[in-house]
Amino acid sequence: MYKYEHIPGFFHQDILAPLISGEAALEQSFGLLDESPQHWQLFKNKIAELDEKAEDGASYKVIWLGRHGQGFHNVAAAKYQALGTWENKWSFETTDGEITWGPDPVLTPLGESQARALSKAWLNASKNGIPLPTRWFVSPLQRTIQTCQITWGDVWEKVLSKGRDGAGVGVRAIEDLREKAWADTANHRRTKSEVSRDYPTVIFPESIPEEDMLWHPKVSEEDEHVRDRAKSWLGTVWEYDDTFVSCTAHGDIMRATFEVINHPLCPIETAELIPIVVKRTKI
């Protein structure tokens, strides 16, 4: 068994009530507290030092953990929550004739724009020495895949000389990175064959079943199970040696992860990036 814990002291988002918004963090080194000229090199040095001094059975990773950009389900939810009819009616549907939000909706134009803002921030940060991820993970829902591909396309192509769509990168889908499953049709995954057909550069491991076994039209997933999935996806990330990784996920699974690692809980906007330094210890 393993224990996962958040190591504070590096980012504004480590603070219970951070004095920085998600949008402002993009302009301020993703919320890094160190504002010295060599801040990213010093950050890398500190992470390396943590690993060098780690006790037996312990290791560290920096996870650039982000939520997907705005999807059409977010638009529908905002529209019908204002009328008090989202949770008890419209969330169970797939469309109202104007907006289609299920199953597995795509990003809105605003969601794509949010991902492009992330892309610009990463490209600028890459010129300032930020430790780029060497491994990328997404949930198998297409709004996270789209967010990842738009966010990283310029870096993959211009910095890493890979394909803008992730060709040669090896973006990997993790089923346990999915949103909390309840009757909301937006969280109903399409078949594995359909998603892999539409996103051929993403790796869908054999462990992901063809049909969606998590979502149920009448049963909501228990919070404890979501926390178990949070531990599971962290375990999957630790199967790889990479120290710096990117994970594009959803609000509920991010909150469950924060509970597991004892990170301060905070509102998570669409396309918000929250960097976390995580220690794993064998127990």
Protein backbone atom coordinates (compact mmCIF):
# COMPACT_ATOMS: atom_id res chain seq x y z
CA MET A 1 0.00 0.00 0.00
CA TYR A 2 1.01 3.59 -0.57
CA LYS A 3 0.33 6.92 1.03
CA TYR A 4 0.04 10.02 -1.17
CA GLU A 5 0.54 13.46 0.34
CA HIS A 6 0.71 17.00 -0.93
CA ILE A 7 3.96 18.89 -0.30
CA PRO A 8 3.10 22.58 0.21
CA GLY A 9 5.23 25.67 -0.08
CA PHE A 10 5.76 25.93 -3.83
CA PHE A 11 2.59 27.47 -5.30
CA HIS A 12 -0.04 30.03 -4.34
CA GLN A 13 -2.63 27.28 -4.84
CA ASP A 14 -1.11 25.43 -1.86
CA ILE A 15 -2.72 28.02 0.39
CA LEU A 16 -6.26 27.47 1.68
CA ALA A 17 -7.41 30.85 0.35
CA PRO A 18 -4.93 31.58 -2.46
CA LEU A 19 -4.41 35.24 -3.29
CA ILE A 20 -4.40 34.47 -6.98
CA SER A 21 -7.07 33.51 -9.50
CA GLY A 22 -6.71 30.75 -12.06
CA GLU A 23 -6.52 33.34 -14.84
CA ALA A 24 -3.88 35.38 -13.00
CA ALA A 25 -1.82 32.24 -12.39
CA LEU A 26 -1.30 31.89 -16.14
CA GLU A 27 0.42 35.26 -16.12
CA GLN A 28 2.42 34.56 -12.96
CA SER A 29 4.38 31.36 -13.53
CA PHE A 30 1.29 29.19 -12.89
CA GLY A 31 1.20 30.44 -9.31
CA LEU A 32 4.81 29.69 -8.35
CA LEU A 33 5.65 31.51 -5.13
CA ASP A 34 9.30 32.08 -6.03
CA GLU A 35 9.54 35.26 -8.12
CA SER A 36 13.33 35.36 -8.43
CA PRO A 37 14.90 35.53 -11.93
CA GLN A 38 15.92 31.86 -11.80
CA HIS A 39 12.65 30.65 -10.30
CA TRP A 40 12.12 27.62 -12.51
CA GLN A 41 15.69 26.39 -12.20
CA LEU A 42 15.47 26.77 -8.43
CA PHE A 43 12.18 24.89 -8.46
CA LYS A 44 13.72 22.02 -10.42
CA ASN A 45 16.67 21.98 -8.02
CA LYS A 46 14.36 21.74 -5.00
CA ILE A 47 12.40 18.85 -6.51
CA ALA A 48 15.65 17.05 -7.33
CA GLU A 49 16.83 17.63 -3.76
CA LEU A 50 13.61 16.15 -2.39
CA ASP A 51 14.18 13.01 -4.45
CA GLU A 52 17.83 12.77 -3.46
CA LYS A 53 16.99 12.97 0.24
CA ALA A 54 13.87 10.78 0.06
CA GLU A 55 13.71 7.91 2.51
CA ASP A 56 13.48 4.34 1.24
CA GLY A 57 10.15 3.71 -0.43
CA ALA A 58 9.41 7.39 -1.04
CA SER A 59 9.41 9.42 -4.25
CA TYR A 60 8.07 12.71 -5.58
CA LYS A 61 6.26 13.94 -8.67
CA VAL A 62 5.15 17.33 -9.91
CA ILE A 63 1.70 16.95 -11.45
CA TRP A 64 0.34 19.76 -13.61
CA LEU A 65 -3.28 18.90 -12.83
CA GLY A 66 -5.91 20.69 -14.89
CA ARG A 67 -9.62 20.71 -15.52
CA HIS A 68 -11.02 20.56 -19.05
CA GLY A 69 -12.19 23.71 -20.80
CA GLN A 70 -15.86 24.66 -20.94
CA GLY A 71 -18.00 21.94 -22.50
CA PHE A 72 -21.55 22.21 -23.80
CA HIS A 73 -22.78 20.49 -20.64
CA ASN A 74 -21.38 23.39 -18.61
CA VAL A 75 -23.45 25.81 -20.69
CA ALA A 76 -26.58 23.69 -20.29
CA ALA A 77 -26.03 23.31 -16.55
CA ALA A 78 -25.65 27.06 -16.06
CA LYS A 79 -28.78 27.69 -18.13
CA TYR A 80 -31.03 25.25 -16.30
CA GLN A 81 -29.57 25.58 -12.81
CA ALA A 82 -30.73 29.19 -12.97
CA LEU A 83 -34.23 27.83 -13.56
CA GLY A 84 -33.92 25.12 -10.93
CA THR A 85 -34.48 22.32 -13.43
CA TRP A 86 -30.99 20.95 -14.14
CA GLU A 87 -30.57 18.35 -11.38
CA ASN A 88 -34.11 17.00 -11.50
CA LYS A 89 -34.75 17.07 -15.25
CA TRP A 90 -32.36 18.32 -17.88
CA SER A 91 -29.18 16.64 -16.63
CA PHE A 92 -30.83 13.30 -17.46
CA GLU A 93 -31.45 14.38 -21.07
CA THR A 94 -28.91 14.76 -23.86
CA THR A 95 -30.29 17.88 -25.56
CA ASP A 96 -32.96 20.55 -25.32
CA GLY A 97 -33.09 20.97 -29.09
CA GLU A 98 -30.64 23.87 -28.97
CA ILE A 99 -27.67 22.51 -27.01
CA THR A 100 -26.41 18.91 -27.11
CA TRP A 101 -24.53 17.95 -23.96
CA GLY A 102 -24.58 14.19 -23.84
CA PRO A 103 -23.21 11.71 -24.04
CA ASP A 104 -19.58 12.84 -23.76
CA PRO A 105 -19.88 16.45 -25.02
CA VAL A 106 -17.15 18.38 -26.80
CA LEU A 107 -15.69 21.77 -25.92
CA THR A 108 -17.56 24.97 -26.70
CA PRO A 109 -15.78 27.73 -28.65
CA LEU A 110 -15.08 29.34 -25.27
CA GLY A 111 -13.64 26.06 -24.00
CA GLU A 112 -11.32 25.93 -27.00
CA SER A 113 -10.31 29.54 -26.35
CA GLN A 114 -9.55 28.68 -22.72
CA ALA A 115 -7.29 25.85 -23.85
CA ARG A 116 -5.52 28.18 -26.28
CA ALA A 117 -4.84 30.56 -23.38
CA LEU A 118 -3.20 27.66 -21.56
CA SER A 119 -1.23 26.87 -24.70
CA LYS A 120 0.10 30.42 -24.89
CA ALA A 121 1.06 30.34 -21.21
CA TRP A 122 2.95 27.07 -21.60
CA LEU A 123 4.74 28.22 -24.72
CA ASN A 124 5.87 31.40 -22.95
CA ALA A 125 6.88 29.47 -19.84
CA SER A 126 8.92 27.04 -21.94
CA LYS A 127 11.11 29.97 -22.96
CA ASN A 128 11.72 30.73 -19.28
CA GLY A 129 12.91 27.28 -18.29
CA ILE A 130 9.78 25.71 -16.85
CA PRO A 131 10.18 21.95 -16.37
CA LEU A 132 7.89 20.65 -19.10
CA PRO A 133 6.03 17.39 -18.56
CA THR A 134 7.55 14.31 -20.10
CA ARG A 135 4.34 12.29 -19.76
CA TRP A 136 0.71 13.26 -20.44
CA PHE A 137 -2.49 11.69 -19.11
CA VAL A 138 -6.15 12.41 -19.83
CA SER A 139 -9.51 10.94 -18.93
CA PRO A 140 -11.12 9.04 -21.84
CA LEU A 141 -13.84 11.70 -22.18
CA GLN A 142 -13.29 13.85 -25.22
CA ARG A 143 -13.47 17.23 -23.48
CA THR A 144 -10.26 16.39 -21.61
CA ILE A 145 -8.60 15.01 -24.73
CA GLN A 146 -9.48 18.14 -26.71
CA THR A 147 -8.25 20.39 -23.90
CA CYS A 148 -4.97 18.48 -23.72
CA GLN A 149 -4.37 18.55 -27.47
CA ILE A 150 -5.15 22.26 -27.83
CA THR A 151 -3.16 23.17 -24.72
CA TRP A 152 -0.05 21.26 -25.71
CA GLY A 153 -0.16 21.34 -29.52
CA ASP A 154 2.22 24.29 -29.88
CA VAL A 155 4.67 22.92 -27.31
CA TRP A 156 4.63 19.47 -28.88
CA GLU A 157 5.26 20.89 -32.34
CA LYS A 158 7.50 23.90 -31.72
CA VAL A 159 9.46 22.80 -28.65
CA LEU A 160 9.46 19.00 -28.74
CA SER A 161 9.23 18.54 -32.55
CA LYS A 162 6.27 16.18 -32.27
CA GLY A 163 2.83 16.21 -33.89
CA ARG A 164 0.38 18.96 -32.91
CA ASP A 165 -2.23 16.26 -32.27
CA GLY A 166 0.12 14.35 -29.97
CA ALA A 167 1.58 12.00 -32.56
CA GLY A 168 4.79 10.61 -31.12
CA VAL A 169 3.98 11.90 -27.63
CA GLY A 170 2.05 8.95 -26.21
CA VAL A 171 -0.80 10.70 -24.39
CA ARG A 172 -2.42 8.01 -22.27
CA ALA A 173 -6.05 7.75 -21.18
CA ILE A 174 -6.80 6.70 -17.59
CA GLU A 175 -10.35 5.57 -16.84
CA ASP A 176 -9.94 6.53 -13.18
CA LEU A 177 -9.38 10.18 -14.14
CA ARG A 178 -13.04 10.45 -15.10
CA GLU A 179 -15.61 12.71 -13.48
CA LYS A 180 -17.77 11.41 -10.64
CA ALA A 181 -20.38 9.20 -12.29
CA TRP A 182 -24.03 9.92 -11.77
CA ALA A 183 -27.08 10.07 -14.03
CA ASP A 184 -25.83 13.23 -15.76
CA THR A 185 -25.55 12.12 -19.40
CA ALA A 186 -22.53 14.38 -19.94
CA ASN A 187 -20.45 11.88 -17.96
CA HIS A 188 -21.56 8.88 -20.00
CA ARG A 189 -18.52 7.75 -22.00
CA ARG A 190 -18.86 6.71 -25.60
CA THR A 191 -17.48 3.31 -26.52
CA LYS A 192 -13.74 2.85 -26.44
CA SER A 193 -13.77 2.14 -30.20
CA GLU A 194 -15.55 5.40 -30.95
CA VAL A 195 -13.25 7.56 -28.85
CA SER A 196 -10.05 5.88 -30.06
CA ARG A 197 -11.26 6.28 -33.66
CA ASP A 198 -11.73 10.02 -33.18
CA TYR A 199 -8.46 10.49 -31.26
CA PRO A 200 -6.03 7.98 -32.81
CA THR A 201 -2.90 9.49 -31.22
CA VAL A 202 -4.19 8.79 -27.70
CA ILE A 203 -3.31 5.47 -26.08
CA PHE A 204 -6.34 3.61 -24.70
CA PRO A 205 -4.99 0.70 -22.63
CA GLU A 206 -6.64 -2.70 -22.51
CA SER A 207 -7.78 -1.97 -18.96
CA ILE A 208 -10.37 0.48 -20.35
CA PRO A 209 -13.45 -1.58 -21.27
CA GLU A 210 -15.25 -1.14 -24.57
CA GLU A 211 -18.50 -0.14 -22.89
CA ASP A 212 -18.84 2.37 -20.06
CA MET A 213 -19.00 0.30 -16.87
CA LEU A 214 -18.83 3.29 -14.51
CA TRP A 215 -21.84 5.36 -15.54
CA HIS A 216 -25.41 4.30 -14.67
CA PRO A 217 -28.61 6.18 -15.59
CA LYS A 218 -30.10 5.76 -12.11
CA VAL A 219 -27.23 5.19 -9.68
CA SER A 220 -24.71 7.78 -8.47
CA GLU A 221 -21.14 6.88 -7.66
CA GLU A 222 -20.30 7.03 -3.95
CA ASP A 223 -17.78 9.66 -2.85
CA GLU A 224 -15.59 6.98 -1.25
CA HIS A 225 -15.36 5.21 -4.61
CA VAL A 226 -14.30 8.46 -6.28
CA ARG A 227 -11.53 8.81 -3.68
CA ASP A 228 -10.47 5.22 -4.38
CA ARG A 229 -10.25 6.12 -8.06
CA ALA A 230 -8.11 9.12 -7.13
CA LYS A 231 -5.64 6.80 -5.41
CA SER A 232 -5.79 4.48 -8.39
CA TRP A 233 -4.96 7.10 -11.01
CA LEU A 234 -2.09 8.35 -8.86
CA GLY A 235 -0.85 4.77 -8.75
CA THR A 236 -1.00 4.60 -12.55
CA VAL A 237 1.06 7.78 -12.84
CA TRP A 238 3.66 6.26 -10.52
CA GLU A 239 4.08 3.31 -12.87
CA TYR A 240 6.23 5.67 -14.93
CA ASP A 241 9.57 7.18 -13.91
CA ASP A 242 8.74 10.70 -15.13
CA THR A 243 9.03 13.37 -12.43
CA PHE A 244 7.00 16.04 -14.26
CA VAL A 245 3.65 14.94 -15.68
CA SER A 246 0.49 16.55 -17.04
CA CYS A 247 -3.00 15.28 -16.17
CA THR A 248 -6.15 16.75 -17.72
CA ALA A 249 -9.22 15.73 -15.76
CA HIS A 250 -12.51 16.93 -14.22
CA GLY A 251 -13.59 18.94 -11.21
CA ASP A 252 -14.94 16.14 -8.99
CA ILE A 253 -11.99 13.80 -9.46
CA MET A 254 -9.63 16.72 -8.82
CA ARG A 255 -11.43 17.51 -5.56
CA ALA A 256 -11.30 13.83 -4.55
CA THR A 257 -7.58 13.83 -5.30
CA PHE A 258 -7.10 16.89 -3.12
CA GLU A 259 -8.89 15.09 -0.29
CA VAL A 260 -6.63 12.05 -0.71
CA ILE A 261 -3.38 14.05 -0.67
CA ASN A 262 -4.60 16.65 1.87
CA HIS A 263 -4.39 19.58 -0.53
CA PRO A 264 -6.55 22.64 0.27
CA LEU A 265 -9.95 22.39 -1.39
CA CYS A 266 -10.84 25.30 -3.62
CA PRO A 267 -13.20 26.18 -6.47
CA ILE A 268 -11.96 24.74 -9.76
CA GLU A 269 -12.98 26.69 -12.83
CA THR A 270 -13.04 25.25 -16.34
CA ALA A 271 -9.53 25.07 -17.84
CA GLU A 272 -7.97 25.85 -14.47
CA LEU A 273 -4.51 24.44 -13.82
CA ILE A 274 -3.47 23.59 -10.27
CA PRO A 275 0.14 22.38 -9.92
CA ILE A 276 0.72 19.89 -7.11
CA VAL A 277 3.88 18.40 -5.67
CA VAL A 278 3.04 14.91 -4.44
CA LYS A 279 5.03 12.49 -2.30
CA ARG A 280 4.34 8.76 -2.38
CA THR A 281 5.48 6.60 0.50
CA LYS A 282 5.24 2.84 0.79
CA ILE A 283 3.44 1.83 3.98
